[in-house]
N, C-alpha and C. Protein backbone atom coordinates (compact mmCIF):
# COMPACT_ATOMS: atom_id res chain seq x y z
N MET A 1 2.36 -10.20 -16.97
CA MET A 1 2.66 -11.05 -15.84
C MET A 1 1.80 -10.71 -14.62
N HIS A 2 1.57 -9.44 -14.36
CA HIS A 2 0.79 -9.03 -13.19
C HIS A 2 -0.63 -8.70 -13.61
N GLN A 3 -1.47 -9.71 -13.53
CA GLN A 3 -2.86 -9.56 -13.90
C GLN A 3 -3.68 -9.20 -12.67
N ILE A 4 -4.54 -8.20 -12.80
CA ILE A 4 -5.34 -7.76 -11.67
C ILE A 4 -6.27 -8.88 -11.19
N ALA A 5 -6.72 -9.72 -12.09
CA ALA A 5 -7.58 -10.84 -11.69
C ALA A 5 -6.84 -11.78 -10.73
N ASP A 6 -5.54 -11.95 -10.94
CA ASP A 6 -4.74 -12.79 -10.03
C ASP A 6 -4.69 -12.17 -8.64
N LEU A 7 -4.44 -10.87 -8.58
CA LEU A 7 -4.36 -10.19 -7.29
C LEU A 7 -5.70 -10.25 -6.55
N ILE A 8 -6.77 -10.04 -7.28
CA ILE A 8 -8.11 -10.13 -6.68
C ILE A 8 -8.32 -11.54 -6.11
N SER A 9 -7.95 -12.55 -6.87
CA SER A 9 -8.11 -13.93 -6.42
C SER A 9 -7.26 -14.24 -5.19
N ILE A 10 -6.02 -13.77 -5.17
CA ILE A 10 -5.14 -13.99 -4.03
C ILE A 10 -5.70 -13.32 -2.79
N PHE A 11 -6.13 -12.07 -2.94
CA PHE A 11 -6.69 -11.33 -1.80
C PHE A 11 -7.96 -12.00 -1.29
N ASP A 12 -8.86 -12.30 -2.21
CA ASP A 12 -10.13 -12.91 -1.81
C ASP A 12 -9.92 -14.27 -1.15
N SER A 13 -8.97 -15.05 -1.66
CA SER A 13 -8.67 -16.36 -1.05
C SER A 13 -8.16 -16.19 0.37
N ALA A 14 -7.38 -15.14 0.59
CA ALA A 14 -6.80 -14.91 1.92
C ALA A 14 -7.81 -14.31 2.90
N PHE A 15 -8.73 -13.45 2.41
CA PHE A 15 -9.50 -12.64 3.35
C PHE A 15 -11.02 -12.65 3.19
N TYR A 16 -11.56 -13.22 2.13
CA TYR A 16 -13.01 -13.14 1.98
C TYR A 16 -13.72 -13.91 3.09
N GLN A 17 -13.31 -15.13 3.33
CA GLN A 17 -13.99 -15.90 4.39
C GLN A 17 -13.59 -15.44 5.77
N SER A 18 -12.31 -15.21 6.00
CA SER A 18 -11.85 -14.89 7.36
C SER A 18 -12.17 -13.46 7.78
N GLN A 19 -12.21 -12.51 6.83
CA GLN A 19 -12.42 -11.10 7.17
C GLN A 19 -13.64 -10.50 6.50
N ASN A 20 -14.39 -11.31 5.71
CA ASN A 20 -15.56 -10.83 4.97
C ASN A 20 -15.20 -9.61 4.12
N THR A 21 -14.03 -9.67 3.49
CA THR A 21 -13.51 -8.53 2.73
C THR A 21 -13.06 -8.99 1.36
N ARG A 22 -13.42 -8.18 0.35
CA ARG A 22 -13.04 -8.47 -1.04
C ARG A 22 -12.34 -7.27 -1.64
N LEU A 23 -11.49 -7.56 -2.60
CA LEU A 23 -10.80 -6.55 -3.39
C LEU A 23 -11.65 -6.30 -4.63
N VAL A 24 -11.99 -5.03 -4.90
CA VAL A 24 -12.94 -4.70 -5.96
C VAL A 24 -12.35 -3.65 -6.90
N LYS A 25 -12.43 -3.94 -8.19
CA LYS A 25 -11.98 -2.97 -9.21
C LYS A 25 -13.01 -1.86 -9.32
N GLY A 26 -12.56 -0.61 -9.07
CA GLY A 26 -13.45 0.54 -9.18
C GLY A 26 -13.25 1.28 -10.48
N ASP A 27 -14.17 2.17 -10.76
CA ASP A 27 -14.08 2.97 -11.98
C ASP A 27 -13.37 4.29 -11.75
N ASP A 28 -13.40 4.79 -10.54
CA ASP A 28 -12.91 6.14 -10.28
C ASP A 28 -11.95 6.13 -9.10
N GLU A 29 -12.25 6.94 -8.10
CA GLU A 29 -11.38 7.08 -6.93
C GLU A 29 -11.44 5.84 -6.04
N PRO A 30 -10.32 5.48 -5.44
CA PRO A 30 -10.33 4.35 -4.51
C PRO A 30 -11.08 4.72 -3.22
N ILE A 31 -11.62 3.69 -2.58
CA ILE A 31 -12.34 3.91 -1.33
C ILE A 31 -12.48 2.56 -0.61
N TYR A 32 -12.58 2.62 0.71
CA TYR A 32 -12.90 1.43 1.48
C TYR A 32 -14.35 1.57 1.95
N LEU A 33 -15.13 0.52 1.70
CA LEU A 33 -16.54 0.52 2.08
C LEU A 33 -16.84 -0.68 2.96
N PRO A 34 -17.23 -0.43 4.21
CA PRO A 34 -17.61 -1.56 5.07
C PRO A 34 -18.94 -2.16 4.60
N ALA A 35 -19.16 -3.39 4.99
CA ALA A 35 -20.42 -4.07 4.66
C ALA A 35 -21.59 -3.23 5.15
N ASN A 36 -22.71 -3.34 4.43
CA ASN A 36 -23.92 -2.61 4.83
C ASN A 36 -25.15 -3.46 4.48
N ASN A 37 -26.33 -2.86 4.53
CA ASN A 37 -27.56 -3.60 4.24
C ASN A 37 -27.66 -4.05 2.79
N THR A 38 -26.96 -3.37 1.89
CA THR A 38 -27.03 -3.70 0.47
C THR A 38 -25.94 -4.67 0.06
N ILE A 39 -24.72 -4.40 0.50
CA ILE A 39 -23.57 -5.26 0.16
C ILE A 39 -23.07 -5.87 1.45
N THR A 40 -23.08 -7.18 1.52
CA THR A 40 -22.84 -7.88 2.79
C THR A 40 -21.37 -8.13 3.11
N PHE A 41 -20.46 -7.65 2.27
CA PHE A 41 -19.04 -7.83 2.54
C PHE A 41 -18.33 -6.47 2.46
N ASN A 42 -17.20 -6.36 3.13
CA ASN A 42 -16.37 -5.16 3.08
C ASN A 42 -15.67 -5.10 1.72
N GLN A 43 -15.47 -3.87 1.21
CA GLN A 43 -14.86 -3.72 -0.11
C GLN A 43 -13.63 -2.81 -0.06
N VAL A 44 -12.51 -3.32 -0.52
CA VAL A 44 -11.32 -2.51 -0.75
C VAL A 44 -11.37 -2.19 -2.24
N VAL A 45 -11.83 -0.98 -2.56
CA VAL A 45 -12.04 -0.58 -3.96
C VAL A 45 -10.82 0.19 -4.44
N PHE A 46 -10.23 -0.27 -5.54
CA PHE A 46 -9.05 0.40 -6.10
C PHE A 46 -9.39 1.03 -7.44
N ALA A 47 -8.56 1.96 -7.87
CA ALA A 47 -8.88 2.80 -9.03
C ALA A 47 -8.52 2.16 -10.37
N HIS A 48 -9.46 2.21 -11.29
CA HIS A 48 -9.25 1.97 -12.71
C HIS A 48 -8.60 0.64 -13.08
N GLY A 49 -8.60 -0.32 -12.19
CA GLY A 49 -7.99 -1.60 -12.51
C GLY A 49 -6.48 -1.61 -12.46
N PHE A 50 -5.89 -0.59 -11.86
CA PHE A 50 -4.43 -0.50 -11.79
C PHE A 50 -3.89 -1.39 -10.67
N TYR A 51 -2.92 -2.21 -11.00
CA TYR A 51 -2.30 -3.12 -10.03
C TYR A 51 -1.69 -2.34 -8.87
N ALA A 52 -0.96 -1.26 -9.18
CA ALA A 52 -0.32 -0.46 -8.12
C ALA A 52 -1.38 0.16 -7.20
N SER A 53 -2.48 0.61 -7.75
CA SER A 53 -3.56 1.18 -6.94
C SER A 53 -4.12 0.12 -6.00
N ALA A 54 -4.29 -1.09 -6.51
CA ALA A 54 -4.80 -2.18 -5.67
C ALA A 54 -3.84 -2.46 -4.51
N LEU A 55 -2.55 -2.53 -4.79
CA LEU A 55 -1.57 -2.77 -3.72
C LEU A 55 -1.61 -1.66 -2.68
N HIS A 56 -1.74 -0.42 -3.14
CA HIS A 56 -1.77 0.71 -2.22
C HIS A 56 -3.02 0.66 -1.32
N GLU A 57 -4.16 0.39 -1.91
CA GLU A 57 -5.40 0.33 -1.12
C GLU A 57 -5.39 -0.86 -0.17
N ILE A 58 -4.82 -1.96 -0.61
CA ILE A 58 -4.66 -3.12 0.28
C ILE A 58 -3.79 -2.73 1.47
N ALA A 59 -2.72 -1.98 1.23
CA ALA A 59 -1.82 -1.56 2.33
C ALA A 59 -2.59 -0.77 3.38
N HIS A 60 -3.46 0.14 2.96
CA HIS A 60 -4.27 0.89 3.92
C HIS A 60 -5.16 -0.07 4.72
N TRP A 61 -5.76 -1.05 4.06
CA TRP A 61 -6.62 -2.01 4.73
C TRP A 61 -5.82 -2.85 5.73
N LEU A 62 -4.61 -3.23 5.35
CA LEU A 62 -3.79 -4.05 6.24
C LEU A 62 -3.39 -3.31 7.51
N ILE A 63 -3.25 -2.00 7.42
CA ILE A 63 -2.87 -1.18 8.57
C ILE A 63 -4.07 -0.92 9.49
N ALA A 64 -5.23 -0.76 8.89
CA ALA A 64 -6.42 -0.37 9.67
C ALA A 64 -6.80 -1.44 10.68
N GLY A 65 -7.06 -1.01 11.90
CA GLY A 65 -7.51 -1.91 12.94
C GLY A 65 -8.99 -2.26 12.77
N ALA A 66 -9.47 -3.15 13.62
CA ALA A 66 -10.85 -3.64 13.52
C ALA A 66 -11.88 -2.51 13.58
N GLU A 67 -11.70 -1.54 14.47
CA GLU A 67 -12.66 -0.44 14.59
C GLU A 67 -12.62 0.46 13.36
N ARG A 68 -11.43 0.75 12.85
CA ARG A 68 -11.32 1.59 11.64
C ARG A 68 -11.97 0.91 10.44
N ARG A 69 -11.91 -0.42 10.39
CA ARG A 69 -12.49 -1.14 9.25
C ARG A 69 -14.02 -1.15 9.29
N LYS A 70 -14.61 -0.61 10.33
CA LYS A 70 -16.07 -0.45 10.39
C LYS A 70 -16.52 0.87 9.77
N CYS A 71 -15.56 1.75 9.45
CA CYS A 71 -15.86 3.10 8.94
C CYS A 71 -15.50 3.22 7.46
N GLU A 72 -16.34 3.97 6.73
CA GLU A 72 -16.00 4.26 5.34
C GLU A 72 -14.66 4.98 5.29
N ASP A 73 -13.80 4.52 4.39
CA ASP A 73 -12.43 5.03 4.25
C ASP A 73 -11.70 5.08 5.60
N TYR A 74 -12.04 4.14 6.45
CA TYR A 74 -11.42 3.96 7.77
C TYR A 74 -11.61 5.17 8.69
N GLY A 75 -12.49 6.08 8.31
CA GLY A 75 -12.75 7.25 9.14
C GLY A 75 -11.67 8.32 9.04
N TYR A 76 -10.77 8.19 8.08
CA TYR A 76 -9.68 9.16 7.93
C TYR A 76 -10.05 10.27 6.97
N TRP A 77 -9.35 11.40 7.08
CA TRP A 77 -9.53 12.50 6.15
C TRP A 77 -8.67 12.24 4.93
N TYR A 78 -9.06 12.83 3.84
CA TYR A 78 -8.21 12.83 2.66
C TYR A 78 -8.27 14.22 2.06
N CYS A 79 -7.13 14.84 1.97
CA CYS A 79 -7.04 16.16 1.35
C CYS A 79 -6.60 15.93 -0.09
N PRO A 80 -7.43 16.28 -1.06
CA PRO A 80 -7.13 15.94 -2.46
C PRO A 80 -5.93 16.69 -3.03
N ASP A 81 -5.52 16.23 -4.19
CA ASP A 81 -4.45 16.84 -4.97
C ASP A 81 -4.63 18.36 -5.00
N GLY A 82 -3.51 19.08 -4.94
CA GLY A 82 -3.54 20.54 -4.90
C GLY A 82 -3.17 21.05 -3.52
N ARG A 83 -2.54 20.21 -2.71
CA ARG A 83 -2.18 20.57 -1.34
C ARG A 83 -1.04 21.59 -1.30
N ASP A 84 -1.11 22.50 -0.31
CA ASP A 84 0.01 23.42 -0.08
C ASP A 84 1.11 22.66 0.66
N LYS A 85 2.22 23.35 0.94
CA LYS A 85 3.38 22.69 1.54
C LYS A 85 3.06 22.03 2.88
N GLN A 86 2.30 22.71 3.73
CA GLN A 86 1.95 22.16 5.05
C GLN A 86 1.07 20.93 4.92
N LYS A 87 0.03 21.01 4.10
CA LYS A 87 -0.88 19.88 3.90
C LYS A 87 -0.15 18.70 3.25
N GLN A 88 0.78 19.01 2.34
CA GLN A 88 1.54 17.94 1.70
C GLN A 88 2.43 17.24 2.72
N ALA A 89 3.03 18.00 3.63
CA ALA A 89 3.87 17.40 4.68
C ALA A 89 3.02 16.49 5.56
N GLU A 90 1.81 16.93 5.91
CA GLU A 90 0.90 16.11 6.70
C GLU A 90 0.53 14.84 5.95
N PHE A 91 0.22 14.99 4.66
CA PHE A 91 -0.11 13.85 3.82
C PHE A 91 1.03 12.83 3.80
N GLU A 92 2.24 13.31 3.58
CA GLU A 92 3.39 12.41 3.51
C GLU A 92 3.62 11.72 4.85
N ASN A 93 3.43 12.42 5.96
CA ASN A 93 3.58 11.78 7.27
C ASN A 93 2.61 10.62 7.44
N VAL A 94 1.39 10.80 6.97
CA VAL A 94 0.37 9.75 7.07
C VAL A 94 0.67 8.60 6.10
N GLU A 95 1.28 8.91 4.97
CA GLU A 95 1.48 7.93 3.91
C GLU A 95 2.75 7.08 4.06
N VAL A 96 3.64 7.42 4.97
CA VAL A 96 4.89 6.65 5.10
C VAL A 96 4.59 5.17 5.35
N LYS A 97 3.76 4.88 6.32
CA LYS A 97 3.52 3.48 6.68
C LYS A 97 2.79 2.71 5.57
N PRO A 98 1.67 3.22 5.01
CA PRO A 98 1.03 2.44 3.95
C PRO A 98 1.92 2.25 2.73
N GLN A 99 2.74 3.26 2.42
CA GLN A 99 3.60 3.08 1.25
C GLN A 99 4.74 2.11 1.55
N ALA A 100 5.15 2.01 2.80
CA ALA A 100 6.14 1.00 3.17
C ALA A 100 5.53 -0.40 3.02
N ILE A 101 4.29 -0.57 3.49
CA ILE A 101 3.60 -1.85 3.31
C ILE A 101 3.42 -2.15 1.83
N GLU A 102 3.05 -1.13 1.06
CA GLU A 102 2.89 -1.31 -0.39
C GLU A 102 4.19 -1.77 -1.02
N TRP A 103 5.32 -1.22 -0.58
CA TRP A 103 6.62 -1.62 -1.11
C TRP A 103 6.88 -3.09 -0.79
N LEU A 104 6.55 -3.52 0.43
CA LEU A 104 6.70 -4.93 0.80
C LEU A 104 5.82 -5.81 -0.10
N LEU A 105 4.56 -5.41 -0.28
CA LEU A 105 3.65 -6.17 -1.13
C LEU A 105 4.17 -6.25 -2.57
N SER A 106 4.66 -5.12 -3.06
CA SER A 106 5.22 -5.08 -4.42
C SER A 106 6.38 -6.05 -4.56
N LYS A 107 7.27 -6.03 -3.59
CA LYS A 107 8.44 -6.92 -3.64
C LYS A 107 7.99 -8.38 -3.61
N ALA A 108 7.05 -8.71 -2.75
CA ALA A 108 6.55 -10.09 -2.66
C ALA A 108 5.89 -10.53 -3.96
N ALA A 109 5.30 -9.57 -4.69
CA ALA A 109 4.64 -9.87 -5.96
C ALA A 109 5.58 -9.75 -7.16
N GLY A 110 6.82 -9.32 -6.92
CA GLY A 110 7.74 -9.11 -8.04
C GLY A 110 7.31 -7.96 -8.92
N PHE A 111 6.69 -6.97 -8.32
CA PHE A 111 6.14 -5.81 -9.04
C PHE A 111 6.95 -4.58 -8.66
N GLU A 112 7.24 -3.73 -9.63
CA GLU A 112 8.04 -2.53 -9.36
C GLU A 112 7.25 -1.53 -8.52
N PHE A 113 7.86 -1.08 -7.43
CA PHE A 113 7.24 -0.10 -6.55
C PHE A 113 7.70 1.30 -6.92
N ASN A 114 6.77 2.24 -6.91
CA ASN A 114 7.08 3.65 -7.08
C ASN A 114 6.37 4.43 -5.99
N VAL A 115 7.14 5.18 -5.22
CA VAL A 115 6.55 6.00 -4.18
C VAL A 115 5.67 7.06 -4.84
N SER A 116 4.60 7.47 -4.14
CA SER A 116 3.69 8.47 -4.70
C SER A 116 3.50 9.62 -3.73
N VAL A 117 3.78 10.83 -4.21
CA VAL A 117 3.51 12.02 -3.40
C VAL A 117 2.11 12.56 -3.70
N ASP A 118 1.48 12.07 -4.77
CA ASP A 118 0.06 12.29 -5.05
C ASP A 118 -0.35 13.76 -4.95
N ASN A 119 0.42 14.64 -5.56
CA ASN A 119 0.10 16.07 -5.48
C ASN A 119 0.51 16.78 -6.77
N LEU A 120 0.01 16.31 -7.89
CA LEU A 120 0.42 16.85 -9.19
C LEU A 120 0.08 18.32 -9.36
N ASN A 121 -1.02 18.77 -8.77
CA ASN A 121 -1.46 20.16 -8.94
C ASN A 121 -1.17 21.03 -7.73
N GLY A 122 -0.35 20.54 -6.82
CA GLY A 122 -0.03 21.31 -5.62
C GLY A 122 1.45 21.60 -5.53
N GLU A 123 1.84 22.07 -4.36
CA GLU A 123 3.24 22.41 -4.13
C GLU A 123 4.08 21.15 -4.09
N GLN A 124 5.16 21.16 -4.85
CA GLN A 124 5.99 19.98 -4.96
C GLN A 124 6.99 19.88 -3.81
N THR A 125 7.23 18.66 -3.38
CA THR A 125 8.24 18.38 -2.37
C THR A 125 9.25 17.42 -3.00
N CYS A 126 10.31 17.14 -2.29
CA CYS A 126 11.32 16.23 -2.82
C CYS A 126 10.84 14.78 -2.70
N ARG A 127 10.54 14.21 -3.82
CA ARG A 127 10.08 12.83 -3.89
C ARG A 127 11.11 11.89 -3.27
N PHE A 128 12.38 12.17 -3.47
CA PHE A 128 13.43 11.28 -2.96
C PHE A 128 13.54 11.34 -1.44
N ASP A 129 13.30 12.51 -0.86
CA ASP A 129 13.30 12.61 0.61
C ASP A 129 12.16 11.76 1.19
N PHE A 130 11.00 11.83 0.54
CA PHE A 130 9.86 11.02 0.99
C PHE A 130 10.17 9.54 0.80
N GLN A 131 10.75 9.18 -0.33
CA GLN A 131 11.08 7.78 -0.56
C GLN A 131 12.10 7.27 0.46
N ALA A 132 13.02 8.12 0.89
CA ALA A 132 13.99 7.73 1.92
C ALA A 132 13.26 7.39 3.22
N ARG A 133 12.25 8.17 3.56
CA ARG A 133 11.47 7.91 4.78
C ARG A 133 10.69 6.61 4.66
N VAL A 134 10.11 6.37 3.49
CA VAL A 134 9.37 5.13 3.26
C VAL A 134 10.33 3.95 3.33
N HIS A 135 11.48 4.08 2.70
CA HIS A 135 12.49 3.02 2.72
C HIS A 135 12.92 2.69 4.15
N GLN A 136 13.13 3.71 4.94
CA GLN A 136 13.52 3.50 6.34
C GLN A 136 12.44 2.72 7.08
N HIS A 137 11.19 3.02 6.79
CA HIS A 137 10.10 2.30 7.46
C HIS A 137 10.02 0.85 6.97
N VAL A 138 10.31 0.61 5.70
CA VAL A 138 10.37 -0.76 5.18
C VAL A 138 11.37 -1.57 6.01
N LEU A 139 12.54 -1.00 6.22
CA LEU A 139 13.59 -1.71 6.98
C LEU A 139 13.15 -1.98 8.41
N ILE A 140 12.44 -1.04 9.01
CA ILE A 140 11.91 -1.24 10.37
C ILE A 140 10.90 -2.38 10.38
N LEU A 141 10.00 -2.41 9.38
CA LEU A 141 9.00 -3.47 9.32
C LEU A 141 9.65 -4.84 9.13
N ILE A 142 10.68 -4.90 8.33
CA ILE A 142 11.37 -6.18 8.13
C ILE A 142 12.02 -6.63 9.44
N GLU A 143 12.60 -5.69 10.15
CA GLU A 143 13.27 -6.02 11.41
C GLU A 143 12.27 -6.39 12.51
N GLN A 144 11.19 -5.61 12.63
CA GLN A 144 10.24 -5.79 13.74
C GLN A 144 9.07 -6.72 13.40
N GLY A 145 8.84 -6.94 12.13
CA GLY A 145 7.73 -7.79 11.71
C GLY A 145 6.48 -6.98 11.41
N VAL A 146 5.54 -7.64 10.77
CA VAL A 146 4.28 -7.03 10.36
C VAL A 146 3.13 -7.77 11.04
N ASN A 147 1.93 -7.22 10.96
CA ASN A 147 0.78 -7.89 11.58
C ASN A 147 0.43 -9.17 10.82
N ALA A 148 -0.41 -9.98 11.41
CA ALA A 148 -0.73 -11.30 10.87
C ALA A 148 -1.38 -11.23 9.48
N ARG A 149 -2.27 -10.26 9.26
CA ARG A 149 -2.91 -10.14 7.94
C ARG A 149 -1.88 -9.80 6.87
N THR A 150 -0.98 -8.87 7.21
CA THR A 150 0.05 -8.48 6.24
C THR A 150 0.96 -9.67 5.95
N HIS A 151 1.38 -10.38 6.97
CA HIS A 151 2.24 -11.55 6.79
C HIS A 151 1.57 -12.59 5.89
N LYS A 152 0.29 -12.83 6.15
CA LYS A 152 -0.47 -13.81 5.36
C LYS A 152 -0.48 -13.44 3.88
N LEU A 153 -0.74 -12.17 3.59
CA LEU A 153 -0.80 -11.73 2.19
C LEU A 153 0.59 -11.72 1.55
N LEU A 154 1.59 -11.26 2.28
CA LEU A 154 2.96 -11.28 1.74
C LEU A 154 3.36 -12.70 1.34
N LYS A 155 3.08 -13.64 2.20
CA LYS A 155 3.43 -15.04 1.93
C LYS A 155 2.64 -15.57 0.74
N ALA A 156 1.35 -15.24 0.66
CA ALA A 156 0.53 -15.69 -0.48
C ALA A 156 1.04 -15.11 -1.79
N LEU A 157 1.40 -13.83 -1.78
CA LEU A 157 1.95 -13.21 -3.00
C LEU A 157 3.27 -13.86 -3.39
N SER A 158 4.14 -14.08 -2.42
CA SER A 158 5.43 -14.71 -2.69
C SER A 158 5.24 -16.11 -3.26
N ASN A 159 4.31 -16.86 -2.71
CA ASN A 159 4.04 -18.21 -3.22
C ASN A 159 3.53 -18.15 -4.66
N PHE A 160 2.57 -17.26 -4.92
CA PHE A 160 1.97 -17.18 -6.25
C PHE A 160 2.99 -16.73 -7.30
N TYR A 161 3.78 -15.71 -6.98
CA TYR A 161 4.72 -15.15 -7.95
C TYR A 161 6.11 -15.77 -7.87
N ASN A 162 6.27 -16.73 -6.96
CA ASN A 162 7.54 -17.43 -6.82
C ASN A 162 8.71 -16.47 -6.60
N THR A 163 8.53 -15.58 -5.63
CA THR A 163 9.57 -14.61 -5.28
C THR A 163 10.25 -15.06 -3.99
N PRO A 164 11.45 -14.56 -3.71
CA PRO A 164 12.17 -14.99 -2.51
C PRO A 164 11.39 -14.73 -1.23
N TRP A 165 11.42 -15.73 -0.34
CA TRP A 165 10.76 -15.64 0.95
C TRP A 165 11.67 -16.21 2.00
N PRO A 166 11.77 -15.61 3.16
CA PRO A 166 11.11 -14.38 3.60
C PRO A 166 11.78 -13.15 3.01
N LEU A 167 11.08 -12.02 3.10
CA LEU A 167 11.65 -10.76 2.64
C LEU A 167 12.79 -10.35 3.57
N THR A 168 13.85 -9.82 2.99
CA THR A 168 15.00 -9.39 3.78
C THR A 168 15.36 -7.96 3.43
N ALA A 169 16.09 -7.32 4.31
CA ALA A 169 16.53 -5.94 4.07
C ALA A 169 17.38 -5.84 2.80
N GLN A 170 18.14 -6.88 2.50
CA GLN A 170 19.01 -6.85 1.31
C GLN A 170 18.21 -6.76 0.01
N GLN A 171 16.95 -7.17 0.04
CA GLN A 171 16.11 -7.09 -1.15
C GLN A 171 15.64 -5.65 -1.42
N PHE A 172 15.87 -4.77 -0.47
CA PHE A 172 15.37 -3.40 -0.57
C PHE A 172 16.51 -2.39 -0.64
N ASN A 173 17.51 -2.71 -1.45
CA ASN A 173 18.61 -1.76 -1.63
C ASN A 173 18.09 -0.54 -2.37
N TRP A 174 18.19 0.58 -1.73
CA TRP A 174 17.79 1.85 -2.33
C TRP A 174 18.62 2.92 -1.68
N HIS A 175 19.12 3.85 -2.47
CA HIS A 175 19.90 4.97 -1.94
C HIS A 175 19.37 6.27 -2.52
N HIS A 176 19.29 7.26 -1.67
CA HIS A 176 18.88 8.60 -2.09
C HIS A 176 19.85 9.05 -3.18
N PRO A 177 19.35 9.60 -4.27
CA PRO A 177 20.26 10.07 -5.35
C PRO A 177 21.34 11.02 -4.88
N GLN A 178 21.04 11.84 -3.86
CA GLN A 178 22.06 12.75 -3.31
C GLN A 178 23.20 11.96 -2.68
N GLU A 179 22.90 10.86 -2.00
CA GLU A 179 23.92 10.03 -1.40
C GLU A 179 24.85 9.48 -2.48
N LEU A 180 24.26 9.03 -3.60
CA LEU A 180 25.06 8.49 -4.67
C LEU A 180 25.93 9.57 -5.31
N GLN A 181 25.37 10.75 -5.46
CA GLN A 181 26.10 11.86 -6.05
C GLN A 181 27.26 12.28 -5.12
N ASN A 182 27.04 12.30 -3.82
CA ASN A 182 28.08 12.68 -2.87
C ASN A 182 29.18 11.64 -2.79
N ALA A 183 28.87 10.38 -3.12
CA ALA A 183 29.85 9.30 -3.06
C ALA A 183 30.82 9.35 -4.23
N VAL A 184 30.45 10.04 -5.30
CA VAL A 184 31.28 10.09 -6.52
C VAL A 184 32.41 11.05 -6.40
């Protein structure tokens, strides 16, 4: 049901002409590449053709402002897998907002969202605590609204996949497993 070619087409229809930006299937690590002398359009490159990777990289692009979109990978640092507890906490702080946007995109596309702590070879943290923070940010975004680019893509995904629109807080029922355990 969720074909990467469809997502590429939806993204390109929404943003290729207006933002000179295309969604590109990469072979390896994801990256954002601004237009240059060789390639005349901006590229949101996602990993290995994975639908979830594409949604995640799109979320980063949707958050980035005009100046950040002029820089490779938006000018941000990335500390690779294998982070210690402090670096992982920093990573998770930075990732709350893009993963909240990714969750919204996933819901609009009717695609299952899974939070990612992206640290398989490093110190582990509680995935559910991080997901609770992401969930809280989803609810804030629904209440306060999203930027115009995000709204445009959410609506396009909802139209294509015939999912409920507009997105509501009730569509994002999620409870920390500890809360459920304490309720029993």
